[in-house]
Amino acid sequence: MTTRVFRSPRAGVEIEEIATYLAEHSLPAAQRFLQALERAQQLLSEFPNSGAAGLSPGTRRLIVGDHIVSYRRRAADVEIFAVRHVRRRDARL
């Protein structure tokens, strides 16, 4: 049984900003990032608790290349609420 995975509006904006930045420097890098993110979403749909516990209660984190995908369970669903580069100070939500 798979779990529905969705992105918060904020996470959607962050993903778009990351992909745009990468595409400006390397289109293949942007494509790899988006493909890795799709694989991560598939993993979360099959194994929603697969990431490490986050710093805030009820949150979890999954490392995707150079990015941390922060997510939480929303009833039977998984909500990705942040995607940050590992070097960002606020990446460890």
PDB file of N, CA and C in Angstrom:
ATOM      1  N   MET A   1       0.845  -1.184   0.000  1.00  0.00           N
ATOM      2  CA  MET A   1       0.000   0.000   0.000  1.00  0.00           C
ATOM      3  C   MET A   1       0.886   1.241   0.000  1.00  0.00           C
ATOM      4  N   THR A   2       0.589   2.175  -0.854  1.00  0.00           N
ATOM      5  CA  THR A   2       1.387   3.390  -0.917  1.00  0.00           C
ATOM      6  C   THR A   2       0.680   4.543  -0.221  1.00  0.00           C
ATOM      7  N   THR A   3       1.478   5.460   0.254  1.00  0.00           N
ATOM      8  CA  THR A   3       1.009   6.650   0.945  1.00  0.00           C
ATOM      9  C   THR A   3       1.077   7.829  -0.014  1.00  0.00           C
ATOM     10  N   ARG A   4       0.088   8.702   0.055  1.00  0.00           N
ATOM     11  CA  ARG A   4       0.114   9.901  -0.787  1.00  0.00           C
ATOM     12  C   ARG A   4       1.158  10.871  -0.245  1.00  0.00           C
ATOM     13  N   VAL A   5       2.015  11.369  -1.123  1.00  0.00           N
ATOM     14  CA  VAL A   5       3.041  12.345  -0.771  1.00  0.00           C
ATOM     15  C   VAL A   5       2.704  13.649  -1.491  1.00  0.00           C
ATOM     16  N   PHE A   6       2.661  14.744  -0.736  1.00  0.00           N
ATOM     17  CA  PHE A   6       2.399  16.034  -1.364  1.00  0.00           C
ATOM     18  C   PHE A   6       3.364  17.075  -0.817  1.00  0.00           C
ATOM     19  N   ARG A   7       3.514  18.166  -1.564  1.00  0.00           N
ATOM     20  CA  ARG A   7       4.426  19.254  -1.198  1.00  0.00           C
ATOM     21  C   ARG A   7       3.625  20.437  -0.680  1.00  0.00           C
ATOM     22  N   SER A   8       4.106  21.053   0.372  1.00  0.00           N
ATOM     23  CA  SER A   8       3.482  22.292   0.829  1.00  0.00           C
ATOM     24  C   SER A   8       3.780  23.373  -0.203  1.00  0.00           C
ATOM     25  N   PRO A   9       3.009  24.443  -0.201  1.00  0.00           N
ATOM     26  CA  PRO A   9       3.314  25.537  -1.132  1.00  0.00           C
ATOM     27  C   PRO A   9       4.745  26.049  -0.963  1.00  0.00           C
ATOM     28  N   ARG A  10       5.205  26.161   0.279  1.00  0.00           N
ATOM     29  CA  ARG A  10       6.570  26.635   0.522  1.00  0.00           C
ATOM     30  C   ARG A  10       7.599  25.685  -0.079  1.00  0.00           C
ATOM     31  N   ALA A  11       7.414  24.387   0.122  1.00  0.00           N
ATOM     32  CA  ALA A  11       8.348  23.411  -0.442  1.00  0.00           C
ATOM     33  C   ALA A  11       8.340  23.476  -1.961  1.00  0.00           C
ATOM     34  N   GLY A  12       7.172  23.669  -2.544  1.00  0.00           N
ATOM     35  CA  GLY A  12       7.085  23.798  -3.999  1.00  0.00           C
ATOM     36  C   GLY A  12       7.893  24.972  -4.517  1.00  0.00           C
ATOM     37  N   VAL A  13       7.822  26.092  -3.806  1.00  0.00           N
ATOM     38  CA  VAL A  13       8.599  27.276  -4.195  1.00  0.00           C
ATOM     39  C   VAL A  13      10.090  26.993  -4.047  1.00  0.00           C
ATOM     40  N   GLU A  14      10.477  26.359  -2.944  1.00  0.00           N
ATOM     41  CA  GLU A  14      11.901  26.056  -2.727  1.00  0.00           C
ATOM     42  C   GLU A  14      12.436  25.123  -3.807  1.00  0.00           C
ATOM     43  N   ILE A  15      11.667  24.112  -4.169  1.00  0.00           N
ATOM     44  CA  ILE A  15      12.086  23.179  -5.210  1.00  0.00           C
ATOM     45  C   ILE A  15      12.249  23.910  -6.541  1.00  0.00           C
ATOM     46  N   GLU A  16      11.306  24.772  -6.857  1.00  0.00           N
ATOM     47  CA  GLU A  16      11.396  25.548  -8.102  1.00  0.00           C
ATOM     48  C   GLU A  16      12.630  26.448  -8.097  1.00  0.00           C
ATOM     49  N   GLU A  17      12.909  27.100  -6.973  1.00  0.00           N
ATOM     50  CA  GLU A  17      14.081  27.976  -6.883  1.00  0.00           C
ATOM     51  C   GLU A  17      15.378  27.185  -7.051  1.00  0.00           C
ATOM     52  N   ILE A  18      15.459  26.016  -6.415  1.00  0.00           N
ATOM     53  CA  ILE A  18      16.657  25.178  -6.526  1.00  0.00           C
ATOM     54  C   ILE A  18      16.837  24.719  -7.966  1.00  0.00           C
ATOM     55  N   ALA A  19      15.765  24.222  -8.582  1.00  0.00           N
ATOM     56  CA  ALA A  19      15.857  23.731  -9.962  1.00  0.00           C
ATOM     57  C   ALA A  19      16.237  24.850 -10.920  1.00  0.00           C
ATOM     58  N   THR A  20      15.688  26.046 -10.710  1.00  0.00           N
ATOM     59  CA  THR A  20      16.017  27.185 -11.570  1.00  0.00           C
ATOM     60  C   THR A  20      17.487  27.559 -11.422  1.00  0.00           C
ATOM     61  N   TYR A  21      17.956  27.629 -10.192  1.00  0.00           N
ATOM     62  CA  TYR A  21      19.359  27.956  -9.943  1.00  0.00           C
ATOM     63  C   TYR A  21      20.270  26.923 -10.616  1.00  0.00           C
ATOM     64  N   LEU A  22      19.960  25.647 -10.411  1.00  0.00           N
ATOM     65  CA  LEU A  22      20.793  24.600 -11.009  1.00  0.00           C
ATOM     66  C   LEU A  22      20.767  24.671 -12.534  1.00  0.00           C
ATOM     67  N   ALA A  23      19.589  24.905 -13.102  1.00  0.00           N
ATOM     68  CA  ALA A  23      19.460  24.958 -14.569  1.00  0.00           C
ATOM     69  C   ALA A  23      20.263  26.103 -15.164  1.00  0.00           C
ATOM     70  N   GLU A  24      20.377  27.209 -14.422  1.00  0.00           N
ATOM     71  CA  GLU A  24      21.173  28.342 -14.907  1.00  0.00           C
ATOM     72  C   GLU A  24      22.648  27.979 -15.015  1.00  0.00           C
ATOM     73  N   HIS A  25      23.088  27.030 -14.190  1.00  0.00           N
ATOM     74  CA  HIS A  25      24.491  26.630 -14.184  1.00  0.00           C
ATOM     75  C   HIS A  25      24.735  25.322 -14.920  1.00  0.00           C
ATOM     76  N   SER A  26      23.742  24.416 -14.857  1.00  0.00           N
ATOM     77  CA  SER A  26      23.890  23.115 -15.508  1.00  0.00           C
ATOM     78  C   SER A  26      22.518  22.454 -15.620  1.00  0.00           C
ATOM     79  N   LEU A  27      22.019  22.380 -16.825  1.00  0.00           N
ATOM     80  CA  LEU A  27      20.722  21.743 -17.041  1.00  0.00           C
ATOM     81  C   LEU A  27      20.724  20.282 -16.583  1.00  0.00           C
ATOM     82  N   PRO A  28      21.786  19.512 -16.875  1.00  0.00           N
ATOM     83  CA  PRO A  28      21.808  18.128 -16.383  1.00  0.00           C
ATOM     84  C   PRO A  28      21.748  18.046 -14.852  1.00  0.00           C
ATOM     85  N   ALA A  29      22.373  18.992 -14.155  1.00  0.00           N
ATOM     86  CA  ALA A  29      22.323  18.992 -12.687  1.00  0.00           C
ATOM     87  C   ALA A  29      20.898  19.237 -12.206  1.00  0.00           C
ATOM     88  N   ALA A  30      20.188  20.138 -12.848  1.00  0.00           N
ATOM     89  CA  ALA A  30      18.797  20.407 -12.482  1.00  0.00           C
ATOM     90  C   ALA A  30      17.934  19.168 -12.726  1.00  0.00           C
ATOM     91  N   GLN A  31      18.160  18.503 -13.833  1.00  0.00           N
ATOM     92  CA  GLN A  31      17.399  17.291 -14.143  1.00  0.00           C
ATOM     93  C   GLN A  31      17.700  16.189 -13.128  1.00  0.00           C
ATOM     94  N   ARG A  32      18.965  16.038 -12.737  1.00  0.00           N
ATOM     95  CA  ARG A  32      19.336  15.033 -11.726  1.00  0.00           C
ATOM     96  C   ARG A  32      18.668  15.333 -10.387  1.00  0.00           C
ATOM     97  N   PHE A  33      18.637  16.621 -10.010  1.00  0.00           N
ATOM     98  CA  PHE A  33      17.994  17.015  -8.765  1.00  0.00           C
ATOM     99  C   PHE A  33      16.514  16.638  -8.780  1.00  0.00           C
ATOM    100  N   LEU A  34      15.816  16.988  -9.848  1.00  0.00           N
ATOM    101  CA  LEU A  34      14.388  16.700  -9.931  1.00  0.00           C
ATOM    102  C   LEU A  34      14.106  15.198  -9.984  1.00  0.00           C
ATOM    103  N   GLN A  35      14.961  14.443 -10.674  1.00  0.00           N
ATOM    104  CA  GLN A  35      14.802  12.988 -10.712  1.00  0.00           C
ATOM    105  C   GLN A  35      15.041  12.382  -9.332  1.00  0.00           C
ATOM    106  N   ALA A  36      16.057  12.875  -8.621  1.00  0.00           N
ATOM    107  CA  ALA A  36      16.338  12.373  -7.270  1.00  0.00           C
ATOM    108  C   ALA A  36      15.185  12.695  -6.327  1.00  0.00           C
ATOM    109  N   LEU A  37      14.599  13.861  -6.494  1.00  0.00           N
ATOM    110  CA  LEU A  37      13.458  14.250  -5.671  1.00  0.00           C
ATOM    111  C   LEU A  37      12.258  13.344  -5.959  1.00  0.00           C
ATOM    112  N   GLU A  38      12.040  13.009  -7.218  1.00  0.00           N
ATOM    113  CA  GLU A  38      10.949  12.089  -7.571  1.00  0.00           C
ATOM    114  C   GLU A  38      11.177  10.712  -6.953  1.00  0.00           C
ATOM    115  N   ARG A  39      12.431  10.234  -6.982  1.00  0.00           N
ATOM    116  CA  ARG A  39      12.744   8.945  -6.361  1.00  0.00           C
ATOM    117  C   ARG A  39      12.507   9.003  -4.856  1.00  0.00           C
ATOM    118  N   ALA A  40      12.864  10.120  -4.236  1.00  0.00           N
ATOM    119  CA  ALA A  40      12.645  10.287  -2.793  1.00  0.00           C
ATOM    120  C   ALA A  40      11.151  10.263  -2.477  1.00  0.00           C
ATOM    121  N   GLN A  41      10.347  10.925  -3.302  1.00  0.00           N
ATOM    122  CA  GLN A  41       8.899  10.916  -3.079  1.00  0.00           C
ATOM    123  C   GLN A  41       8.343   9.500  -3.229  1.00  0.00           C
ATOM    124  N   GLN A  42       8.863   8.753  -4.181  1.00  0.00           N
ATOM    125  CA  GLN A  42       8.422   7.366  -4.348  1.00  0.00           C
ATOM    126  C   GLN A  42       8.803   6.546  -3.116  1.00  0.00           C
ATOM    127  N   LEU A  43      10.019   6.739  -2.615  1.00  0.00           N
ATOM    128  CA  LEU A  43      10.461   6.042  -1.408  1.00  0.00           C
ATOM    129  C   LEU A  43       9.544   6.375  -0.234  1.00  0.00           C
ATOM    130  N   LEU A  44       9.228   7.664  -0.070  1.00  0.00           N
ATOM    131  CA  LEU A  44       8.359   8.070   1.029  1.00  0.00           C
ATOM    132  C   LEU A  44       6.940   7.519   0.868  1.00  0.00           C
ATOM    133  N   SER A  45       6.488   7.352  -0.357  1.00  0.00           N
ATOM    134  CA  SER A  45       5.150   6.790  -0.558  1.00  0.00           C
ATOM    135  C   SER A  45       5.108   5.323  -0.133  1.00  0.00           C
ATOM    136  N   GLU A  46       6.229   4.634  -0.257  1.00  0.00           N
ATOM    137  CA  GLU A  46       6.293   3.225   0.120  1.00  0.00           C
ATOM    138  C   GLU A  46       6.734   3.030   1.569  1.00  0.00           C
ATOM    139  N   PHE A  47       7.628   3.903   2.035  1.00  0.00           N
ATOM    140  CA  PHE A  47       8.174   3.795   3.390  1.00  0.00           C
ATOM    141  C   PHE A  47       8.154   5.177   4.039  1.00  0.00           C
ATOM    142  N   PRO A  48       7.002   5.632   4.505  1.00  0.00           N
ATOM    143  CA  PRO A  48       6.871   7.010   4.978  1.00  0.00           C
ATOM    144  C   PRO A  48       7.713   7.365   6.203  1.00  0.00           C
ATOM    145  N   ASN A  49       8.180   6.398   6.939  1.00  0.00           N
ATOM    146  CA  ASN A  49       9.007   6.683   8.112  1.00  0.00           C
ATOM    147  C   ASN A  49      10.479   6.387   7.862  1.00  0.00           C
ATOM    148  N   SER A  50      10.886   6.378   6.610  1.00  0.00           N
ATOM    149  CA  SER A  50      12.248   5.965   6.279  1.00  0.00           C
ATOM    150  C   SER A  50      13.315   6.997   6.620  1.00  0.00           C
ATOM    151  N   GLY A  51      12.966   8.256   6.756  1.00  0.00           N
ATOM    152  CA  GLY A  51      13.953   9.287   7.065  1.00  0.00           C
ATOM    153  C   GLY A  51      14.285   9.329   8.549  1.00  0.00           C
ATOM    154  N   ALA A  52      15.347  10.034   8.864  1.00  0.00           N
ATOM    155  CA  ALA A  52      15.748  10.218  10.264  1.00  0.00           C
ATOM    156  C   ALA A  52      14.786  11.191  10.944  1.00  0.00           C
ATOM    157  N   ALA A  53      14.693  11.072  12.249  1.00  0.00           N
ATOM    158  CA  ALA A  53      13.850  11.994  13.009  1.00  0.00           C
ATOM    159  C   ALA A  53      14.379  13.418  12.853  1.00  0.00           C
ATOM    160  N   GLY A  54      13.466  14.368  12.688  1.00  0.00           N
ATOM    161  CA  GLY A  54      13.840  15.777  12.582  1.00  0.00           C
ATOM    162  C   GLY A  54      14.026  16.382  13.959  1.00  0.00           C
ATOM    163  N   LEU A  55      14.464  17.632  13.994  1.00  0.00           N
ATOM    164  CA  LEU A  55      14.675  18.311  15.275  1.00  0.00           C
ATOM    165  C   LEU A  55      13.363  18.703  15.943  1.00  0.00           C
ATOM    166  N   SER A  56      12.357  19.018  15.148  1.00  0.00           N
ATOM    167  CA  SER A  56      11.041  19.362  15.687  1.00  0.00           C
ATOM    168  C   SER A  56      10.223  18.086  15.848  1.00  0.00           C
ATOM    169  N   PRO A  57       9.451  17.978  16.921  1.00  0.00           N
ATOM    170  CA  PRO A  57       8.637  16.777  17.118  1.00  0.00           C
ATOM    171  C   PRO A  57       7.712  16.519  15.928  1.00  0.00           C
ATOM    172  N   GLY A  58       7.623  15.262  15.539  1.00  0.00           N
ATOM    173  CA  GLY A  58       6.733  14.873  14.456  1.00  0.00           C
ATOM    174  C   GLY A  58       7.278  15.093  13.061  1.00  0.00           C
ATOM    175  N   THR A  59       8.525  15.535  12.961  1.00  0.00           N
ATOM    176  CA  THR A  59       9.122  15.752  11.642  1.00  0.00           C
ATOM    177  C   THR A  59      10.196  14.710  11.367  1.00  0.00           C
ATOM    178  N   ARG A  60      10.488  14.529  10.097  1.00  0.00           N
ATOM    179  CA  ARG A  60      11.537  13.602   9.670  1.00  0.00           C
ATOM    180  C   ARG A  60      12.311  14.263   8.539  1.00  0.00           C
ATOM    181  N   ARG A  61      13.515  13.753   8.278  1.00  0.00           N
ATOM    182  CA  ARG A  61      14.375  14.302   7.225  1.00  0.00           C
ATOM    183  C   ARG A  61      14.917  13.184   6.364  1.00  0.00           C
ATOM    184  N   LEU A  62      15.053  13.481   5.099  1.00  0.00           N
ATOM    185  CA  LEU A  62      15.620  12.535   4.151  1.00  0.00           C
ATOM    186  C   LEU A  62      16.670  13.278   3.338  1.00  0.00           C
ATOM    187  N   ILE A  63      17.865  12.724   3.252  1.00  0.00           N
ATOM    188  CA  ILE A  63      18.940  13.339   2.480  1.00  0.00           C
ATOM    189  C   ILE A  63      18.769  12.937   1.014  1.00  0.00           C
ATOM    190  N   VAL A  64      18.742  13.945   0.143  1.00  0.00           N
ATOM    191  CA  VAL A  64      18.620  13.729  -1.298  1.00  0.00           C
ATOM    192  C   VAL A  64      19.755  14.514  -1.940  1.00  0.00           C
ATOM    193  N   GLY A  65      20.852  13.831  -2.232  1.00  0.00           N
ATOM    194  CA  GLY A  65      22.030  14.505  -2.787  1.00  0.00           C
ATOM    195  C   GLY A  65      22.547  15.531  -1.802  1.00  0.00           C
ATOM    196  N   ASP A  66      22.629  16.783  -2.228  1.00  0.00           N
ATOM    197  CA  ASP A  66      23.098  17.875  -1.378  1.00  0.00           C
ATOM    198  C   ASP A  66      21.956  18.606  -0.680  1.00  0.00           C
ATOM    199  N   HIS A  67      20.798  17.992  -0.623  1.00  0.00           N
ATOM    200  CA  HIS A  67      19.624  18.649  -0.054  1.00  0.00           C
ATOM    201  C   HIS A  67      18.981  17.800   1.038  1.00  0.00           C
ATOM    202  N   ILE A  68      18.349  18.480   1.968  1.00  0.00           N
ATOM    203  CA  ILE A  68      17.602  17.818   3.029  1.00  0.00           C
ATOM    204  C   ILE A  68      16.123  18.066   2.758  1.00  0.00           C
ATOM    205  N   VAL A  69      15.394  16.992   2.632  1.00  0.00           N
ATOM    206  CA  VAL A  69      13.945  17.059   2.444  1.00  0.00           C
ATOM    207  C   VAL A  69      13.315  16.843   3.819  1.00  0.00           C
ATOM    208  N   SER A  70      12.638  17.853   4.320  1.00  0.00           N
ATOM    209  CA  SER A  70      11.969  17.760   5.619  1.00  0.00           C
ATOM    210  C   SER A  70      10.497  17.466   5.383  1.00  0.00           C
ATOM    211  N   TYR A  71       9.975  16.519   6.160  1.00  0.00           N
ATOM    212  CA  TYR A  71       8.586  16.124   5.959  1.00  0.00           C
ATOM    213  C   TYR A  71       7.948  15.703   7.270  1.00  0.00           C
ATOM    214  N   ARG A  72       6.633  15.569   7.234  1.00  0.00           N
ATOM    215  CA  ARG A  72       5.868  15.124   8.404  1.00  0.00           C
ATOM    216  C   ARG A  72       4.660  14.331   7.923  1.00  0.00           C
ATOM    217  N   ARG A  73       4.170  13.496   8.793  1.00  0.00           N
ATOM    218  CA  ARG A  73       2.942  12.756   8.495  1.00  0.00           C
ATOM    219  C   ARG A  73       1.758  13.672   8.715  1.00  0.00           C
ATOM    220  N   ARG A  74       0.806  13.615   7.822  1.00  0.00           N
ATOM    221  CA  ARG A  74      -0.464  14.339   7.926  1.00  0.00           C
ATOM    222  C   ARG A  74      -1.548  13.283   7.778  1.00  0.00           C
ATOM    223  N   ALA A  75      -1.994  12.743   8.914  1.00  0.00           N
ATOM    224  CA  ALA A  75      -2.938  11.617   8.914  1.00  0.00           C
ATOM    225  C   ALA A  75      -2.285  10.465   8.144  1.00  0.00           C
ATOM    226  N   ALA A  76      -2.895  10.025   7.055  1.00  0.00           N
ATOM    227  CA  ALA A  76      -2.335   8.914   6.282  1.00  0.00           C
ATOM    228  C   ALA A  76      -1.371   9.386   5.198  1.00  0.00           C
ATOM    229  N   ASP A  77      -1.186  10.696   5.062  1.00  0.00           N
ATOM    230  CA  ASP A  77      -0.356  11.268   4.002  1.00  0.00           C
ATOM    231  C   ASP A  77       1.006  11.700   4.534  1.00  0.00           C
ATOM    232  N   VAL A  78       1.895  12.049   3.605  1.00  0.00           N
ATOM    233  CA  VAL A  78       3.199  12.627   3.924  1.00  0.00           C
ATOM    234  C   VAL A  78       3.256  14.001   3.271  1.00  0.00           C
ATOM    235  N   GLU A  79       3.593  15.010   4.068  1.00  0.00           N
ATOM    236  CA  GLU A  79       3.738  16.369   3.548  1.00  0.00           C
ATOM    237  C   GLU A  79       5.206  16.760   3.566  1.00  0.00           C
ATOM    238  N   ILE A  80       5.758  17.059   2.399  1.00  0.00           N
ATOM    239  CA  ILE A  80       7.096  17.632   2.312  1.00  0.00           C
ATOM    240  C   ILE A  80       6.925  19.123   2.543  1.00  0.00           C
ATOM    241  N   PHE A  81       7.547  19.636   3.612  1.00  0.00           N
ATOM    242  CA  PHE A  81       7.335  21.047   3.934  1.00  0.00           C
ATOM    243  C   PHE A  81       8.564  21.919   3.718  1.00  0.00           C
ATOM    244  N   ALA A  82       9.718  21.327   3.456  1.00  0.00           N
ATOM    245  CA  ALA A  82      10.917  22.129   3.191  1.00  0.00           C
ATOM    246  C   ALA A  82      11.934  21.297   2.431  1.00  0.00           C
ATOM    247  N   VAL A  83      12.663  21.960   1.541  1.00  0.00           N
ATOM    248  CA  VAL A  83      13.787  21.345   0.825  1.00  0.00           C
ATOM    249  C   VAL A  83      14.890  22.375   0.843  1.00  0.00           C
ATOM    250  N   ARG A  84      15.992  22.047   1.514  1.00  0.00           N
ATOM    251  CA  ARG A  84      17.080  23.009   1.695  1.00  0.00           C
ATOM    252  C   ARG A  84      18.426  22.362   1.379  1.00  0.00           C
ATOM    253  N   HIS A  85      19.351  23.167   0.892  1.00  0.00           N
ATOM    254  CA  HIS A  85      20.719  22.699   0.679  1.00  0.00           C
ATOM    255  C   HIS A  85      21.336  22.417   2.045  1.00  0.00           C
ATOM    256  N   VAL A  86      22.157  21.377   2.125  1.00  0.00           N
ATOM    257  CA  VAL A  86      22.721  20.982   3.422  1.00  0.00           C
ATOM    258  C   VAL A  86      23.586  22.072   4.052  1.00  0.00           C
ATOM    259  N   ARG A  87      24.115  22.981   3.267  1.00  0.00           N
ATOM    260  CA  ARG A  87      24.975  24.035   3.811  1.00  0.00           C
ATOM    261  C   ARG A  87      24.191  25.218   4.375  1.00  0.00           C
ATOM    262  N   ARG A  88      22.892  25.256   4.142  1.00  0.00           N
ATOM    263  CA  ARG A  88      22.097  26.351   4.691  1.00  0.00           C
ATOM    264  C   ARG A  88      21.966  26.188   6.200  1.00  0.00           C
ATOM    265  N   ARG A  89      22.042  27.279   6.889  1.00  0.00           N
ATOM    266  CA  ARG A  89      21.961  27.265   8.342  1.00  0.00           C
ATOM    267  C   ARG A  89      20.639  26.660   8.825  1.00  0.00           C
ATOM    268  N   ASP A  90      19.547  26.928   8.127  1.00  0.00           N
ATOM    269  CA  ASP A  90      18.240  26.459   8.545  1.00  0.00           C
ATOM    270  C   ASP A  90      17.839  25.114   7.913  1.00  0.00           C
ATOM    271  N   ALA A  91      18.795  24.382   7.369  1.00  0.00           N
ATOM    272  CA  ALA A  91      18.490  23.138   6.673  1.00  0.00           C
ATOM    273  C   ALA A  91      18.058  22.024   7.613  1.00  0.00           C
ATOM    274  N   ARG A  92      18.395  22.099   8.845  1.00  0.00           N
ATOM    275  CA  ARG A  92      18.156  20.975   9.754  1.00  0.00           C
ATOM    276  C   ARG A  92      16.819  21.068  10.490  1.00  0.00           C
ATOM    277  N   LEU A  93      15.796  21.552   9.845  1.00  0.00           N
ATOM    278  CA  LEU A  93      14.465  21.685  10.440  1.00  0.00           C
ATOM    279  C   LEU A  93      13.971  20.390  11.037  1.00  0.00           C
TER     280      LEU A  93
END
